[in-house]
Full PDB file with SEQRES, HELIX, SHEET, SSBOND, CRYST1, ORIGX, SCALE, CONECT and MASTER records, all heavy atoms in Angstrom:
SEQRES   1 A   35  THR LYS MET MET GLU ARG MET GLU TRP MET THR GLU LYS          
SEQRES   2 A   35  ALA THR GLU ILE GLY PHE ASP GLU ILE THR PHE LEU LYS          
SEQRES   3 A   35  CYS THR PHE SER GLU ARG LYS VAL ILE                          
HELIX    1 AA1 MET A    4  ILE A   17  1                                  14    
CRYST1    1.000    1.000    1.000  90.00  90.00  90.00 P 1           1          
ORIGX1      1.000000  0.000000  0.000000        0.00000                         
ORIGX2      0.000000  1.000000  0.000000        0.00000                         
ORIGX3      0.000000  0.000000  1.000000        0.00000                         
SCALE1      1.000000  0.000000  0.000000        0.00000                         
SCALE2      0.000000  1.000000  0.000000        0.00000                         
SCALE3      0.000000  0.000000  1.000000        0.00000                         
ATOM      1  N   THR A   1       2.192  -1.332  -5.017  1.00  0.00           N  
ATOM      2  CA  THR A   1       2.545  -2.268  -6.078  1.00  0.00           C  
ATOM      3  C   THR A   1       1.697  -2.026  -7.325  1.00  0.00           C  
ATOM      4  O   THR A   1       0.631  -1.406  -7.259  1.00  0.00           O  
ATOM      5  CB  THR A   1       2.325  -3.714  -5.598  1.00  0.00           C  
ATOM      6  OG1 THR A   1       0.980  -3.833  -5.102  1.00  0.00           O  
ATOM      7  CG2 THR A   1       3.287  -4.080  -4.493  1.00  0.00           C  
ATOM      8  N   LYS A   2       2.165  -2.537  -8.461  1.00  0.00           N  
ATOM      9  CA  LYS A   2       1.413  -2.400  -9.712  1.00  0.00           C  
ATOM     10  C   LYS A   2       0.044  -3.048  -9.581  1.00  0.00           C  
ATOM     11  O   LYS A   2      -0.963  -2.494 -10.022  1.00  0.00           O  
ATOM     12  CB  LYS A   2       2.201  -3.041 -10.858  1.00  0.00           C  
ATOM     13  CG  LYS A   2       1.553  -2.870 -12.215  1.00  0.00           C  
ATOM     14  CD  LYS A   2       2.418  -3.458 -13.313  1.00  0.00           C  
ATOM     15  CE  LYS A   2       1.772  -3.274 -14.682  1.00  0.00           C  
ATOM     16  NZ  LYS A   2       2.627  -3.842 -15.770  1.00  0.00           N  
ATOM     17  N   MET A   3      -0.005  -4.235  -8.966  1.00  0.00           N  
ATOM     18  CA  MET A   3      -1.278  -4.917  -8.705  1.00  0.00           C  
ATOM     19  C   MET A   3      -1.818  -4.426  -7.362  1.00  0.00           C  
ATOM     20  O   MET A   3      -1.307  -4.792  -6.311  1.00  0.00           O  
ATOM     21  CB  MET A   3      -1.084  -6.433  -8.695  1.00  0.00           C  
ATOM     22  CG  MET A   3      -0.674  -7.015 -10.027  1.00  0.00           C  
ATOM     23  SD  MET A   3      -0.408  -8.806  -9.937  1.00  0.00           S  
ATOM     24  CE  MET A   3      -2.053  -9.359  -9.458  1.00  0.00           C  
ATOM     25  N   MET A   4      -2.844  -3.590  -7.414  1.00  0.00           N  
ATOM     26  CA  MET A   4      -3.336  -2.951  -6.199  1.00  0.00           C  
ATOM     27  C   MET A   4      -3.929  -3.956  -5.219  1.00  0.00           C  
ATOM     28  O   MET A   4      -3.988  -3.705  -4.021  1.00  0.00           O  
ATOM     29  CB  MET A   4      -4.376  -1.893  -6.567  1.00  0.00           C  
ATOM     30  CG  MET A   4      -4.614  -0.853  -5.478  1.00  0.00           C  
ATOM     31  SD  MET A   4      -3.088   0.010  -5.026  1.00  0.00           S  
ATOM     32  CE  MET A   4      -3.558   0.668  -3.416  1.00  0.00           C  
ATOM     33  N   GLU A   5      -4.354  -5.122  -5.718  1.00  0.00           N  
ATOM     34  CA  GLU A   5      -4.916  -6.131  -4.822  1.00  0.00           C  
ATOM     35  C   GLU A   5      -3.916  -6.533  -3.752  1.00  0.00           C  
ATOM     36  O   GLU A   5      -4.303  -6.809  -2.606  1.00  0.00           O  
ATOM     37  CB  GLU A   5      -5.338  -7.374  -5.612  1.00  0.00           C  
ATOM     38  CG  GLU A   5      -6.491  -7.153  -6.577  1.00  0.00           C  
ATOM     39  CD  GLU A   5      -6.041  -6.598  -7.918  1.00  0.00           C  
ATOM     40  OE1 GLU A   5      -4.828  -6.308  -8.072  1.00  0.00           O  
ATOM     41  OE2 GLU A   5      -6.891  -6.463  -8.816  1.00  0.00           O  
ATOM     42  N   ARG A   6      -2.642  -6.565  -4.094  1.00  0.00           N  
ATOM     43  CA  ARG A   6      -1.616  -6.942  -3.111  1.00  0.00           C  
ATOM     44  C   ARG A   6      -1.485  -5.876  -2.025  1.00  0.00           C  
ATOM     45  O   ARG A   6      -1.302  -6.189  -0.846  1.00  0.00           O  
ATOM     46  CB  ARG A   6      -0.287  -7.159  -3.829  1.00  0.00           C  
ATOM     47  CG  ARG A   6      -0.261  -8.439  -4.657  1.00  0.00           C  
ATOM     48  CD  ARG A   6       0.788  -8.449  -5.736  1.00  0.00           C  
ATOM     49  NE  ARG A   6       2.123  -8.162  -5.238  1.00  0.00           N  
ATOM     50  CZ  ARG A   6       3.187  -7.991  -6.022  1.00  0.00           C  
ATOM     51  NH1 ARG A   6       3.056  -8.090  -7.339  1.00  0.00           N  
ATOM     52  NH2 ARG A   6       4.374  -7.741  -5.512  1.00  0.00           N  
ATOM     53  N   MET A   7      -1.592  -4.614  -2.412  1.00  0.00           N  
ATOM     54  CA  MET A   7      -1.515  -3.539  -1.431  1.00  0.00           C  
ATOM     55  C   MET A   7      -2.746  -3.490  -0.550  1.00  0.00           C  
ATOM     56  O   MET A   7      -2.671  -3.214   0.643  1.00  0.00           O  
ATOM     57  CB  MET A   7      -1.328  -2.219  -2.179  1.00  0.00           C  
ATOM     58  CG  MET A   7      -0.789  -1.078  -1.374  1.00  0.00           C  
ATOM     59  SD  MET A   7       0.865  -1.193  -0.635  1.00  0.00           S  
ATOM     60  CE  MET A   7       1.738  -2.444  -1.518  1.00  0.00           C  
ATOM     61  N   GLU A   8      -3.894  -3.784  -1.134  1.00  0.00           N  
ATOM     62  CA  GLU A   8      -5.127  -3.826  -0.347  1.00  0.00           C  
ATOM     63  C   GLU A   8      -5.067  -4.938   0.693  1.00  0.00           C  
ATOM     64  O   GLU A   8      -5.497  -4.763   1.837  1.00  0.00           O  
ATOM     65  CB  GLU A   8      -6.322  -4.006  -1.277  1.00  0.00           C  
ATOM     66  CG  GLU A   8      -6.575  -2.800  -2.167  1.00  0.00           C  
ATOM     67  CD  GLU A   8      -7.609  -3.063  -3.242  1.00  0.00           C  
ATOM     68  OE1 GLU A   8      -8.060  -4.230  -3.352  1.00  0.00           O  
ATOM     69  OE2 GLU A   8      -7.976  -2.125  -3.967  1.00  0.00           O  
ATOM     70  N   TRP A   9      -4.544  -6.103   0.262  1.00  0.00           N  
ATOM     71  CA  TRP A   9      -4.386  -7.223   1.203  1.00  0.00           C  
ATOM     72  C   TRP A   9      -3.450  -6.830   2.344  1.00  0.00           C  
ATOM     73  O   TRP A   9      -3.744  -7.091   3.514  1.00  0.00           O  
ATOM     74  CB  TRP A   9      -3.826  -8.433   0.449  1.00  0.00           C  
ATOM     75  CG  TRP A   9      -3.503  -9.597   1.332  1.00  0.00           C  
ATOM     76  CD1 TRP A   9      -4.352 -10.584   1.749  1.00  0.00           C  
ATOM     77  CD2 TRP A   9      -2.230  -9.892   1.935  1.00  0.00           C  
ATOM     78  NE1 TRP A   9      -3.687 -11.475   2.567  1.00  0.00           N  
ATOM     79  CE2 TRP A   9      -2.388 -11.074   2.701  1.00  0.00           C  
ATOM     80  CE3 TRP A   9      -0.986  -9.271   1.886  1.00  0.00           C  
ATOM     81  CZ2 TRP A   9      -1.336 -11.642   3.412  1.00  0.00           C  
ATOM     82  CZ3 TRP A   9       0.066  -9.835   2.604  1.00  0.00           C  
ATOM     83  CH2 TRP A   9      -0.120 -11.004   3.357  1.00  0.00           C  
ATOM     84  N   MET A  10      -2.328  -6.191   2.027  1.00  0.00           N  
ATOM     85  CA  MET A  10      -1.378  -5.795   3.060  1.00  0.00           C  
ATOM     86  C   MET A  10      -2.005  -4.813   4.046  1.00  0.00           C  
ATOM     87  O   MET A  10      -1.838  -4.932   5.265  1.00  0.00           O  
ATOM     88  CB  MET A  10      -0.146  -5.164   2.423  1.00  0.00           C  
ATOM     89  CG  MET A  10       0.965  -4.846   3.421  1.00  0.00           C  
ATOM     90  SD  MET A  10       1.733  -3.236   3.146  1.00  0.00           S  
ATOM     91  CE  MET A  10       0.422  -2.104   3.551  1.00  0.00           C  
ATOM     92  N   THR A  11      -2.753  -3.840   3.521  1.00  0.00           N  
ATOM     93  CA  THR A  11      -3.373  -2.840   4.393  1.00  0.00           C  
ATOM     94  C   THR A  11      -4.385  -3.488   5.327  1.00  0.00           C  
ATOM     95  O   THR A  11      -4.466  -3.144   6.514  1.00  0.00           O  
ATOM     96  CB  THR A  11      -4.049  -1.745   3.550  1.00  0.00           C  
ATOM     97  OG1 THR A  11      -3.096  -1.172   2.647  1.00  0.00           O  
ATOM     98  CG2 THR A  11      -4.605  -0.650   4.443  1.00  0.00           C  
ATOM     99  N   GLU A  12      -5.151  -4.414   4.801  1.00  0.00           N  
ATOM    100  CA  GLU A  12      -6.124  -5.134   5.626  1.00  0.00           C  
ATOM    101  C   GLU A  12      -5.438  -5.871   6.764  1.00  0.00           C  
ATOM    102  O   GLU A  12      -5.843  -5.757   7.940  1.00  0.00           O  
ATOM    103  CB  GLU A  12      -6.911  -6.118   4.764  1.00  0.00           C  
ATOM    104  CG  GLU A  12      -7.907  -6.966   5.539  1.00  0.00           C  
ATOM    105  CD  GLU A  12      -8.537  -8.025   4.667  1.00  0.00           C  
ATOM    106  OE1 GLU A  12      -7.821  -8.963   4.242  1.00  0.00           O  
ATOM    107  OE2 GLU A  12      -9.748  -7.915   4.414  1.00  0.00           O  
ATOM    108  N   LYS A  13      -4.381  -6.626   6.451  1.00  0.00           N  
ATOM    109  CA  LYS A  13      -3.698  -7.421   7.472  1.00  0.00           C  
ATOM    110  C   LYS A  13      -2.944  -6.540   8.455  1.00  0.00           C  
ATOM    111  O   LYS A  13      -2.894  -6.844   9.652  1.00  0.00           O  
ATOM    112  CB  LYS A  13      -2.757  -8.426   6.811  1.00  0.00           C  
ATOM    113  CG  LYS A  13      -3.451  -9.401   5.858  1.00  0.00           C  
ATOM    114  CD  LYS A  13      -4.677 -10.043   6.505  1.00  0.00           C  
ATOM    115  CE  LYS A  13      -5.454 -10.866   5.496  1.00  0.00           C  
ATOM    116  NZ  LYS A  13      -6.753 -11.333   6.037  1.00  0.00           N  
ATOM    117  N   ALA A  14      -2.362  -5.440   7.971  1.00  0.00           N  
ATOM    118  CA  ALA A  14      -1.662  -4.523   8.874  1.00  0.00           C  
ATOM    119  C   ALA A  14      -2.639  -3.900   9.870  1.00  0.00           C  
ATOM    120  O   ALA A  14      -2.309  -3.706  11.047  1.00  0.00           O  
ATOM    121  CB  ALA A  14      -0.954  -3.440   8.067  1.00  0.00           C  
ATOM    122  N   THR A  15      -3.850  -3.601   9.407  1.00  0.00           N  
ATOM    123  CA  THR A  15      -4.877  -3.057  10.297  1.00  0.00           C  
ATOM    124  C   THR A  15      -5.269  -4.078  11.358  1.00  0.00           C  
ATOM    125  O   THR A  15      -5.438  -3.739  12.535  1.00  0.00           O  
ATOM    126  CB  THR A  15      -6.119  -2.637   9.495  1.00  0.00           C  
ATOM    127  OG1 THR A  15      -5.740  -1.654   8.519  1.00  0.00           O  
ATOM    128  CG2 THR A  15      -7.185  -2.049  10.402  1.00  0.00           C  
ATOM    129  N   GLU A  16      -5.395  -5.327  10.966  1.00  0.00           N  
ATOM    130  CA  GLU A  16      -5.732  -6.376  11.930  1.00  0.00           C  
ATOM    131  C   GLU A  16      -4.632  -6.520  12.983  1.00  0.00           C  
ATOM    132  O   GLU A  16      -4.919  -6.763  14.161  1.00  0.00           O  
ATOM    133  CB  GLU A  16      -5.942  -7.696  11.201  1.00  0.00           C  
ATOM    134  CG  GLU A  16      -7.189  -7.718  10.316  1.00  0.00           C  
ATOM    135  CD  GLU A  16      -7.296  -8.999   9.505  1.00  0.00           C  
ATOM    136  OE1 GLU A  16      -6.526  -9.936   9.766  1.00  0.00           O  
ATOM    137  OE2 GLU A  16      -8.145  -9.058   8.599  1.00  0.00           O  
ATOM    138  N   ILE A  17      -3.373  -6.388  12.566  1.00  0.00           N  
ATOM    139  CA  ILE A  17      -2.258  -6.473  13.512  1.00  0.00           C  
ATOM    140  C   ILE A  17      -2.245  -5.250  14.414  1.00  0.00           C  
ATOM    141  O   ILE A  17      -2.124  -5.353  15.637  1.00  0.00           O  
ATOM    142  CB  ILE A  17      -0.921  -6.607  12.755  1.00  0.00           C  
ATOM    143  CG1 ILE A  17      -0.868  -7.958  12.040  1.00  0.00           C  
ATOM    144  CG2 ILE A  17       0.271  -6.467  13.701  1.00  0.00           C  
ATOM    145  CD1 ILE A  17       0.245  -8.058  11.022  1.00  0.00           C  
ATOM    146  N   GLY A  18      -2.328  -4.086  13.822  1.00  0.00           N  
ATOM    147  CA  GLY A  18      -2.383  -2.845  14.574  1.00  0.00           C  
ATOM    148  C   GLY A  18      -1.299  -1.856  14.188  1.00  0.00           C  
ATOM    149  O   GLY A  18      -0.114  -2.133  14.352  1.00  0.00           O  
ATOM    150  N   PHE A  19      -1.707  -0.713  13.641  1.00  0.00           N  
ATOM    151  CA  PHE A  19      -0.793   0.404  13.398  1.00  0.00           C  
ATOM    152  C   PHE A  19      -1.634   1.668  13.282  1.00  0.00           C  
ATOM    153  O   PHE A  19      -2.854   1.625  13.426  1.00  0.00           O  
ATOM    154  CB  PHE A  19       0.086   0.161  12.176  1.00  0.00           C  
ATOM    155  CG  PHE A  19      -0.591   0.295  10.823  1.00  0.00           C  
ATOM    156  CD1 PHE A  19       0.030   0.981   9.792  1.00  0.00           C  
ATOM    157  CD2 PHE A  19      -1.830  -0.283  10.559  1.00  0.00           C  
ATOM    158  CE1 PHE A  19      -0.566   1.098   8.547  1.00  0.00           C  
ATOM    159  CE2 PHE A  19      -2.430  -0.177   9.318  1.00  0.00           C  
ATOM    160  CZ  PHE A  19      -1.792   0.528   8.308  1.00  0.00           C  
ATOM    161  N   ASP A  20      -0.991   2.824  13.068  1.00  0.00           N  
ATOM    162  CA  ASP A  20      -1.710   4.084  13.190  1.00  0.00           C  
ATOM    163  C   ASP A  20      -1.866   4.873  11.899  1.00  0.00           C  
ATOM    164  O   ASP A  20      -2.791   5.678  11.789  1.00  0.00           O  
ATOM    165  CB  ASP A  20      -1.009   4.989  14.216  1.00  0.00           C  
ATOM    166  CG  ASP A  20      -1.015   4.398  15.607  1.00  0.00           C  
ATOM    167  OD1 ASP A  20      -2.082   4.414  16.237  1.00  0.00           O  
ATOM    168  OD2 ASP A  20       0.040   3.911  16.058  1.00  0.00           O  
ATOM    169  N   GLU A  21      -0.970   4.675  10.942  1.00  0.00           N  
ATOM    170  CA  GLU A  21      -1.004   5.553   9.777  1.00  0.00           C  
ATOM    171  C   GLU A  21      -0.332   4.885   8.586  1.00  0.00           C  
ATOM    172  O   GLU A  21       0.678   4.207   8.740  1.00  0.00           O  
ATOM    173  CB  GLU A  21      -0.269   6.861  10.101  1.00  0.00           C  
ATOM    174  CG  GLU A  21      -0.187   7.860   8.973  1.00  0.00           C  
ATOM    175  CD  GLU A  21       0.621   9.095   9.351  1.00  0.00           C  
ATOM    176  OE1 GLU A  21       0.961   9.259  10.546  1.00  0.00           O  
ATOM    177  OE2 GLU A  21       0.918   9.899   8.450  1.00  0.00           O  
ATOM    178  N   ILE A  22      -0.891   5.090   7.398  1.00  0.00           N  
ATOM    179  CA  ILE A  22      -0.258   4.615   6.174  1.00  0.00           C  
ATOM    180  C   ILE A  22      -0.259   5.740   5.150  1.00  0.00           C  
ATOM    181  O   ILE A  22      -1.253   6.447   4.980  1.00  0.00           O  
ATOM    182  CB  ILE A  22      -0.951   3.354   5.606  1.00  0.00           C  
ATOM    183  CG1 ILE A  22      -0.187   2.820   4.396  1.00  0.00           C  
ATOM    184  CG2 ILE A  22      -2.414   3.618   5.259  1.00  0.00           C  
ATOM    185  CD1 ILE A  22      -0.601   1.413   3.983  1.00  0.00           C  
ATOM    186  N   THR A  23       0.894   5.924   4.521  1.00  0.00           N  
ATOM    187  CA  THR A  23       1.060   6.900   3.447  1.00  0.00           C  
ATOM    188  C   THR A  23       1.618   6.174   2.235  1.00  0.00           C  
ATOM    189  O   THR A  23       2.517   5.334   2.372  1.00  0.00           O  
ATOM    190  CB  THR A  23       2.034   8.018   3.860  1.00  0.00           C  
ATOM    191  OG1 THR A  23       1.552   8.661   5.040  1.00  0.00           O  
ATOM    192  CG2 THR A  23       2.172   9.058   2.745  1.00  0.00           C  
ATOM    193  N   PHE A  24       1.098   6.478   1.064  1.00  0.00           N  
ATOM    194  CA  PHE A  24       1.585   5.854  -0.163  1.00  0.00           C  
ATOM    195  C   PHE A  24       2.563   6.799  -0.852  1.00  0.00           C  
ATOM    196  O   PHE A  24       2.317   8.008  -0.957  1.00  0.00           O  
ATOM    197  CB  PHE A  24       0.415   5.487  -1.063  1.00  0.00           C  
ATOM    198  CG  PHE A  24      -0.483   4.456  -0.447  1.00  0.00           C  
ATOM    199  CD1 PHE A  24      -1.640   4.820   0.222  1.00  0.00           C  
ATOM    200  CD2 PHE A  24      -0.138   3.114  -0.494  1.00  0.00           C  
ATOM    201  CE1 PHE A  24      -2.447   3.868   0.819  1.00  0.00           C  
ATOM    202  CE2 PHE A  24      -0.938   2.145   0.100  1.00  0.00           C  
ATOM    203  CZ  PHE A  24      -2.096   2.528   0.753  1.00  0.00           C  
ATOM    204  N   LEU A  25       3.683   6.240  -1.329  1.00  0.00           N  
ATOM    205  CA  LEU A  25       4.779   7.029  -1.880  1.00  0.00           C  
ATOM    206  C   LEU A  25       4.907   6.838  -3.384  1.00  0.00           C  
ATOM    207  O   LEU A  25       4.761   5.730  -3.901  1.00  0.00           O  
ATOM    208  CB  LEU A  25       6.098   6.617  -1.222  1.00  0.00           C  
ATOM    209  CG  LEU A  25       6.212   6.775   0.295  1.00  0.00           C  
ATOM    210  CD1 LEU A  25       7.549   6.225   0.767  1.00  0.00           C  
ATOM    211  CD2 LEU A  25       6.041   8.231   0.700  1.00  0.00           C  
ATOM    212  N   LYS A  26       5.193   7.915  -4.067  1.00  0.00           N  
ATOM    213  CA  LYS A  26       5.515   7.880  -5.488  1.00  0.00           C  
ATOM    214  C   LYS A  26       7.028   8.019  -5.613  1.00  0.00           C  
ATOM    215  O   LYS A  26       7.598   9.058  -5.307  1.00  0.00           O  
ATOM    216  CB  LYS A  26       4.806   9.006  -6.233  1.00  0.00           C  
ATOM    217  CG  LYS A  26       4.937   8.939  -7.748  1.00  0.00           C  
ATOM    218  CD  LYS A  26       4.307  10.167  -8.407  1.00  0.00           C  
ATOM    219  CE  LYS A  26       2.821  10.250  -8.100  1.00  0.00           C  
ATOM    220  NZ  LYS A  26       2.191  11.432  -8.787  1.00  0.00           N  
ATOM    221  N   CYS A  27       7.682   6.939  -6.035  1.00  0.00           N  
ATOM    222  CA  CYS A  27       9.141   6.880  -6.051  1.00  0.00           C  
ATOM    223  C   CYS A  27       9.686   6.797  -7.477  1.00  0.00           C  
ATOM    224  O   CYS A  27       8.925   6.643  -8.442  1.00  0.00           O  
ATOM    225  CB  CYS A  27       9.619   5.666  -5.249  1.00  0.00           C  
ATOM    226  SG  CYS A  27       9.037   5.651  -3.541  1.00  0.00           S  
ATOM    227  N   THR A  28      11.001   6.842  -7.603  1.00  0.00           N  
ATOM    228  CA  THR A  28      11.645   6.793  -8.917  1.00  0.00           C  
ATOM    229  C   THR A  28      11.242   5.561  -9.703  1.00  0.00           C  
ATOM    230  O   THR A  28      10.955   5.636 -10.908  1.00  0.00           O  
ATOM    231  CB  THR A  28      13.172   6.823  -8.752  1.00  0.00           C  
ATOM    232  OG1 THR A  28      13.544   8.028  -8.078  1.00  0.00           O  
ATOM    233  CG2 THR A  28      13.870   6.776 -10.103  1.00  0.00           C  
ATOM    234  N   PHE A  29      11.222   4.399  -9.043  1.00  0.00           N  
ATOM    235  CA  PHE A  29      10.930   3.148  -9.736  1.00  0.00           C  
ATOM    236  C   PHE A  29       9.489   2.674  -9.550  1.00  0.00           C  
ATOM    237  O   PHE A  29       9.174   1.516  -9.838  1.00  0.00           O  
ATOM    238  CB  PHE A  29      11.895   2.055  -9.259  1.00  0.00           C  
ATOM    239  CG  PHE A  29      13.344   2.364  -9.505  1.00  0.00           C  
ATOM    240  CD1 PHE A  29      14.317   2.055  -8.557  1.00  0.00           C  
ATOM    241  CD2 PHE A  29      13.750   2.964 -10.691  1.00  0.00           C  
ATOM    242  CE1 PHE A  29      15.655   2.334  -8.784  1.00  0.00           C  
ATOM    243  CE2 PHE A  29      15.084   3.250 -10.933  1.00  0.00           C  
ATOM    244  CZ  PHE A  29      16.042   2.937  -9.975  1.00  0.00           C  
ATOM    245  N   SER A  30       8.627   3.551  -9.082  1.00  0.00           N  
ATOM    246  CA  SER A  30       7.226   3.170  -8.873  1.00  0.00           C  
ATOM    247  C   SER A  30       6.546   2.830 -10.193  1.00  0.00           C  
ATOM    248  O   SER A  30       6.672   3.563 -11.171  1.00  0.00           O  
ATOM    249  CB  SER A  30       6.455   4.303  -8.194  1.00  0.00           C  
ATOM    250  OG  SER A  30       6.877   4.488  -6.858  1.00  0.00           O  
ATOM    251  N   GLU A  31       5.809   1.733 -10.206  1.00  0.00           N  
ATOM    252  CA  GLU A  31       5.015   1.363 -11.380  1.00  0.00           C  
ATOM    253  C   GLU A  31       3.591   1.882 -11.268  1.00  0.00           C  
ATOM    254  O   GLU A  31       2.881   1.962 -12.267  1.00  0.00           O  
ATOM    255  CB  GLU A  31       5.006  -0.154 -11.560  1.00  0.00           C  
ATOM    256  CG  GLU A  31       6.362  -0.739 -11.927  1.00  0.00           C  
ATOM    257  CD  GLU A  31       6.235  -2.197 -12.313  1.00  0.00           C  
ATOM    258  OE1 GLU A  31       5.898  -2.462 -13.483  1.00  0.00           O  
ATOM    259  OE2 GLU A  31       6.468  -3.061 -11.444  1.00  0.00           O  
ATOM    260  N   ARG A  32       3.159   2.180 -10.048  1.00  0.00           N  
ATOM    261  CA  ARG A  32       1.812   2.726  -9.849  1.00  0.00           C  
ATOM    262  C   ARG A  32       1.935   4.150  -9.339  1.00  0.00           C  
ATOM    263  O   ARG A  32       2.575   4.411  -8.329  1.00  0.00           O  
ATOM    264  CB  ARG A  32       1.023   1.860  -8.855  1.00  0.00           C  
ATOM    265  CG  ARG A  32      -0.339   2.435  -8.506  1.00  0.00           C  
ATOM    266  CD  ARG A  32      -1.165   1.470  -7.691  1.00  0.00           C  
ATOM    267  NE  ARG A  32      -1.686   0.391  -8.533  1.00  0.00           N  
ATOM    268  CZ  ARG A  32      -2.778   0.460  -9.266  1.00  0.00           C  
ATOM    269  NH1 ARG A  32      -3.495   1.573  -9.285  1.00  0.00           N  
ATOM    270  NH2 ARG A  32      -3.180  -0.562  -9.963  1.00  0.00           N  
ATOM    271  N   LYS A  33       1.289   5.065 -10.034  1.00  0.00           N  
ATOM    272  CA  LYS A  33       1.381   6.484  -9.702  1.00  0.00           C  
ATOM    273  C   LYS A  33       0.110   7.031  -9.061  1.00  0.00           C  
ATOM    274  O   LYS A  33       0.096   8.151  -8.563  1.00  0.00           O  
ATOM    275  CB  LYS A  33       1.670   7.303 -10.969  1.00  0.00           C  
ATOM    276  CG  LYS A  33       2.851   6.804 -11.797  1.00  0.00           C  
ATOM    277  CD  LYS A  33       4.166   7.027 -11.101  1.00  0.00           C  
ATOM    278  CE  LYS A  33       5.332   6.643 -12.019  1.00  0.00           C  
ATOM    279  NZ  LYS A  33       6.651   6.841 -11.371  1.00  0.00           N  
ATOM    280  N   VAL A  34      -0.986   6.247  -9.098  1.00  0.00           N  
ATOM    281  CA  VAL A  34      -2.279   6.718  -8.606  1.00  0.00           C  
ATOM    282  C   VAL A  34      -2.923   5.621  -7.765  1.00  0.00           C  
ATOM    283  O   VAL A  34      -2.818   4.437  -8.091  1.00  0.00           O  
ATOM    284  CB  VAL A  34      -3.227   7.087  -9.772  1.00  0.00           C  
ATOM    285  CG1 VAL A  34      -4.586   7.528  -9.246  1.00  0.00           C  
ATOM    286  CG2 VAL A  34      -2.615   8.181 -10.643  1.00  0.00           C  
ATOM    287  N   ILE A  35      -3.585   6.010  -6.684  1.00  0.00           N  
ATOM    288  CA  ILE A  35      -4.345   5.059  -5.876  1.00  0.00           C  
ATOM    289  C   ILE A  35      -5.698   5.670  -5.516  1.00  0.00           C  
ATOM    290  O   ILE A  35      -5.874   6.892  -5.598  1.00  0.00           O  
ATOM    291  CB  ILE A  35      -3.614   4.665  -4.575  1.00  0.00           C  
ATOM    292  CG1 ILE A  35      -3.408   5.898  -3.692  1.00  0.00           C  
ATOM    293  CG2 ILE A  35      -2.308   3.960  -4.845  1.00  0.00           C  
ATOM    294  CD1 ILE A  35      -3.044   5.555  -2.282  1.00  0.00           C  
TER     295      ILE A  35                                                      
MASTER        0    0    0    1    0    0    0    6  294    1    0    3          
END                                                                             
């Protein structure tokens, strides 16, 4: 997301729930190009 705080929050909560891998995508309508 444009506001990286929202993505950081999601990553934190997803880790608490449990998963194995996250990849960030640069798409046609992406507002954020760098992380």
